[in-house]
Every structure is written in C-alpha cells, then in structure tokens.
Amino acid sequence: MHMRRTGIMGALDEEIAFLLQRMTVRKVVKISGKKFYVGRLNQVPIVLVKSGVAKVNAGLASQILIDRFCVKRIIWSFPPKPSNMMWTSGLFFRLALFLI
C-alpha cells in the first residue's frame, strides 16, 4: 500500500531540529532557498522543512509541499511558549501518535 507523504513545517531551526535528528533522511531538496528533508519518521513518509518566520514564508513552503512533494497533510509545528524550548518532547509525542 502506498502512503502519501506528510509535510511538517517549522519556522525556526529549533522547531525542526528534534524531528530532523530522529528521521531517516533519504534526500535534501533545495527550493526557493529552503531545504526540504525527504525521508521517514516512524516508518511514515514525511517532508520536513524550515519555512522561516511570517505568513508569507509559511504560505510559500506550504505551496511547495503541495505542488512538488504531493503531501496529503501539513503539520505546522511551533512552540506553545517561545520562552520555553522544552516543548519538543511534547511535540514529538503528539506527532508520533498522529503518524502511527
């Protein structure tokens, strides 16, 4: 059975670093100055990208995920409290539950 990819976006390096360390990266594709990491997380095909800050950057990264990588869904990660970067383990747990 073919599973379509899930796109995961984060605005900052800190927001994607936790997942990037845990995914198996098959290839890195650079489009419009953004690196798209294509691979698997928990055996689920994903594309991880640092979109950059602001709605325009998020919109651009979202459109590229849809047009170039044919993602089925997009998950946008962000810390609930910018002053507390201990959010990553909770984010990973929520994503792991979602991707199973």
C-alpha atoms as a PDB file:
ATOM      1  CA  MET A   1       0.000   0.000   0.000  1.00  0.00           C
ATOM      2  CA  HIS A   2       1.371   3.412  -0.999  1.00  0.00           C
ATOM      3  CA  MET A   3       1.274   6.021   1.782  1.00  0.00           C
ATOM      4  CA  ARG A   4       1.286   9.650   0.779  1.00  0.00           C
ATOM      5  CA  ARG A   5       3.743  11.941   2.490  1.00  0.00           C
ATOM      6  CA  THR A   6       3.025  14.207   5.403  1.00  0.00           C
ATOM      7  CA  GLY A   7       4.572  17.686   5.314  1.00  0.00           C
ATOM      8  CA  ILE A   8       5.913  19.072   8.585  1.00  0.00           C
ATOM      9  CA  MET A   9       6.904  22.738   8.815  1.00  0.00           C
ATOM     10  CA  GLY A  10       8.664  24.721  11.494  1.00  0.00           C
ATOM     11  CA  ALA A  11       9.583  28.394  11.363  1.00  0.00           C
ATOM     12  CA  LEU A  12      12.926  28.087  13.174  1.00  0.00           C
ATOM     13  CA  ASP A  13      15.842  25.646  13.350  1.00  0.00           C
ATOM     14  CA  GLU A  14      14.872  24.824  16.943  1.00  0.00           C
ATOM     15  CA  GLU A  15      11.422  23.770  15.785  1.00  0.00           C
ATOM     16  CA  ILE A  16      12.638  21.181  13.279  1.00  0.00           C
ATOM     17  CA  ALA A  17      15.893  20.025  14.934  1.00  0.00           C
ATOM     18  CA  PHE A  18      14.246  17.436  17.196  1.00  0.00           C
ATOM     19  CA  LEU A  19      12.441  15.742  14.308  1.00  0.00           C
ATOM     20  CA  LEU A  20      15.360  16.081  11.914  1.00  0.00           C
ATOM     21  CA  GLN A  21      17.571  14.157  14.355  1.00  0.00           C
ATOM     22  CA  ARG A  22      15.034  11.351  14.572  1.00  0.00           C
ATOM     23  CA  MET A  23      14.016  10.962  10.959  1.00  0.00           C
ATOM     24  CA  THR A  24      15.775   8.941   8.302  1.00  0.00           C
ATOM     25  CA  VAL A  25      16.648  11.460   5.586  1.00  0.00           C
ATOM     26  CA  ARG A  26      16.660   9.993   2.066  1.00  0.00           C
ATOM     27  CA  LYS A  27      17.445  13.247   0.257  1.00  0.00           C
ATOM     28  CA  VAL A  28      17.572  17.009   0.712  1.00  0.00           C
ATOM     29  CA  VAL A  29      15.967  19.196  -1.945  1.00  0.00           C
ATOM     30  CA  LYS A  30      16.632  22.955  -2.011  1.00  0.00           C
ATOM     31  CA  ILE A  31      13.820  25.077  -3.483  1.00  0.00           C
ATOM     32  CA  SER A  32      13.453  28.862  -3.124  1.00  0.00           C
ATOM     33  CA  GLY A  33      16.217  28.962  -0.537  1.00  0.00           C
ATOM     34  CA  LYS A  34      14.530  26.371   1.690  1.00  0.00           C
ATOM     35  CA  LYS A  35      15.816  22.871   2.422  1.00  0.00           C
ATOM     36  CA  PHE A  36      13.210  20.117   2.207  1.00  0.00           C
ATOM     37  CA  TYR A  37      14.255  16.936   4.016  1.00  0.00           C
ATOM     38  CA  VAL A  38      12.571  13.932   2.402  1.00  0.00           C
ATOM     39  CA  GLY A  39      12.528  10.728   4.409  1.00  0.00           C
ATOM     40  CA  ARG A  40      10.727   8.742   7.080  1.00  0.00           C
ATOM     41  CA  LEU A  41       9.757   9.199  10.713  1.00  0.00           C
ATOM     42  CA  ASN A  42       8.444   6.068  12.450  1.00  0.00           C
ATOM     43  CA  GLN A  43       8.258   4.421   9.008  1.00  0.00           C
ATOM     44  CA  VAL A  44       5.885   7.172   7.811  1.00  0.00           C
ATOM     45  CA  PRO A  45       6.991   9.134   4.718  1.00  0.00           C
ATOM     46  CA  ILE A  46       7.468  12.810   5.554  1.00  0.00           C
ATOM     47  CA  VAL A  47       8.945  16.009   4.158  1.00  0.00           C
ATOM     48  CA  LEU A  48      10.359  18.322   6.831  1.00  0.00           C
ATOM     49  CA  VAL A  49      11.092  21.987   6.121  1.00  0.00           C
ATOM     50  CA  LYS A  50      12.109  25.128   7.976  1.00  0.00           C
ATOM     51  CA  SER A  51       9.716  27.629   6.437  1.00  0.00           C
ATOM     52  CA  GLY A  52      11.060  30.762   8.077  1.00  0.00           C
ATOM     53  CA  VAL A  53       9.127  33.282  10.129  1.00  0.00           C
ATOM     54  CA  ALA A  54       5.973  35.040   8.823  1.00  0.00           C
ATOM     55  CA  LYS A  55       2.838  34.040   6.957  1.00  0.00           C
ATOM     56  CA  VAL A  56       4.379  34.618   3.538  1.00  0.00           C
ATOM     57  CA  ASN A  57       7.176  32.109   4.250  1.00  0.00           C
ATOM     58  CA  ALA A  58       4.717  29.587   5.666  1.00  0.00           C
ATOM     59  CA  GLY A  59       2.493  30.030   2.616  1.00  0.00           C
ATOM     60  CA  LEU A  60       5.399  29.571   0.214  1.00  0.00           C
ATOM     61  CA  ALA A  61       6.643  26.430   1.987  1.00  0.00           C
ATOM     62  CA  SER A  62       3.088  25.041   2.134  1.00  0.00           C
ATOM     63  CA  GLN A  63       2.561  25.557  -1.582  1.00  0.00           C
ATOM     64  CA  ILE A  64       5.877  23.884  -2.410  1.00  0.00           C
ATOM     65  CA  LEU A  65       4.976  20.926  -0.180  1.00  0.00           C
ATOM     66  CA  ILE A  66       1.686  20.559  -2.060  1.00  0.00           C
ATOM     67  CA  ASP A  67       2.963  21.183  -5.603  1.00  0.00           C
ATOM     68  CA  ARG A  68       6.372  19.488  -5.574  1.00  0.00           C
ATOM     69  CA  PHE A  69       6.019  16.791  -2.920  1.00  0.00           C
ATOM     70  CA  CYS A  70       2.291  15.944  -3.195  1.00  0.00           C
ATOM     71  CA  VAL A  71       1.810  15.843   0.573  1.00  0.00           C
ATOM     72  CA  LYS A  72      -1.507  14.579   1.923  1.00  0.00           C
ATOM     73  CA  ARG A  73      -1.432  16.791   5.005  1.00  0.00           C
ATOM     74  CA  ILE A  74       0.700  19.546   6.505  1.00  0.00           C
ATOM     75  CA  ILE A  75       1.544  19.815  10.184  1.00  0.00           C
ATOM     76  CA  TRP A  76       2.870  23.160  11.316  1.00  0.00           C
ATOM     77  CA  SER A  77       4.953  22.941  14.479  1.00  0.00           C
ATOM     78  CA  PHE A  78       5.511  25.852  16.805  1.00  0.00           C
ATOM     79  CA  PRO A  79       6.395  26.204  20.470  1.00  0.00           C
ATOM     80  CA  PRO A  80       3.435  26.992  22.723  1.00  0.00           C
ATOM     81  CA  LYS A  81       5.658  29.379  24.708  1.00  0.00           C
ATOM     82  CA  PRO A  82       8.643  30.941  22.914  1.00  0.00           C
ATOM     83  CA  SER A  83      10.432  31.340  26.245  1.00  0.00           C
ATOM     84  CA  ASN A  84      10.198  27.593  26.944  1.00  0.00           C
ATOM     85  CA  MET A  85      12.022  25.424  24.409  1.00  0.00           C
ATOM     86  CA  MET A  86      11.239  22.230  26.350  1.00  0.00           C
ATOM     87  CA  TRP A  87       8.229  21.784  24.037  1.00  0.00           C
ATOM     88  CA  THR A  88       9.986  19.419  21.639  1.00  0.00           C
ATOM     89  CA  SER A  89       9.345  16.199  23.544  1.00  0.00           C
ATOM     90  CA  GLY A  90       5.636  17.014  23.727  1.00  0.00           C
ATOM     91  CA  LEU A  91       5.564  17.888  20.027  1.00  0.00           C
ATOM     92  CA  PHE A  92       7.307  14.646  19.122  1.00  0.00           C
ATOM     93  CA  PHE A  93       4.856  12.657  21.250  1.00  0.00           C
ATOM     94  CA  ARG A  94       1.853  14.305  19.567  1.00  0.00           C
ATOM     95  CA  LEU A  95       3.349  13.746  16.105  1.00  0.00           C
ATOM     96  CA  ALA A  96       4.231  10.150  16.904  1.00  0.00           C
ATOM     97  CA  LEU A  97       0.631   9.486  17.937  1.00  0.00           C
ATOM     98  CA  PHE A  98      -0.632  11.194  14.785  1.00  0.00           C
ATOM     99  CA  LEU A  99       1.721   9.344  12.455  1.00  0.00           C
ATOM    100  CA  ILE A 100       1.047   5.848  13.847  1.00  0.00           C
END
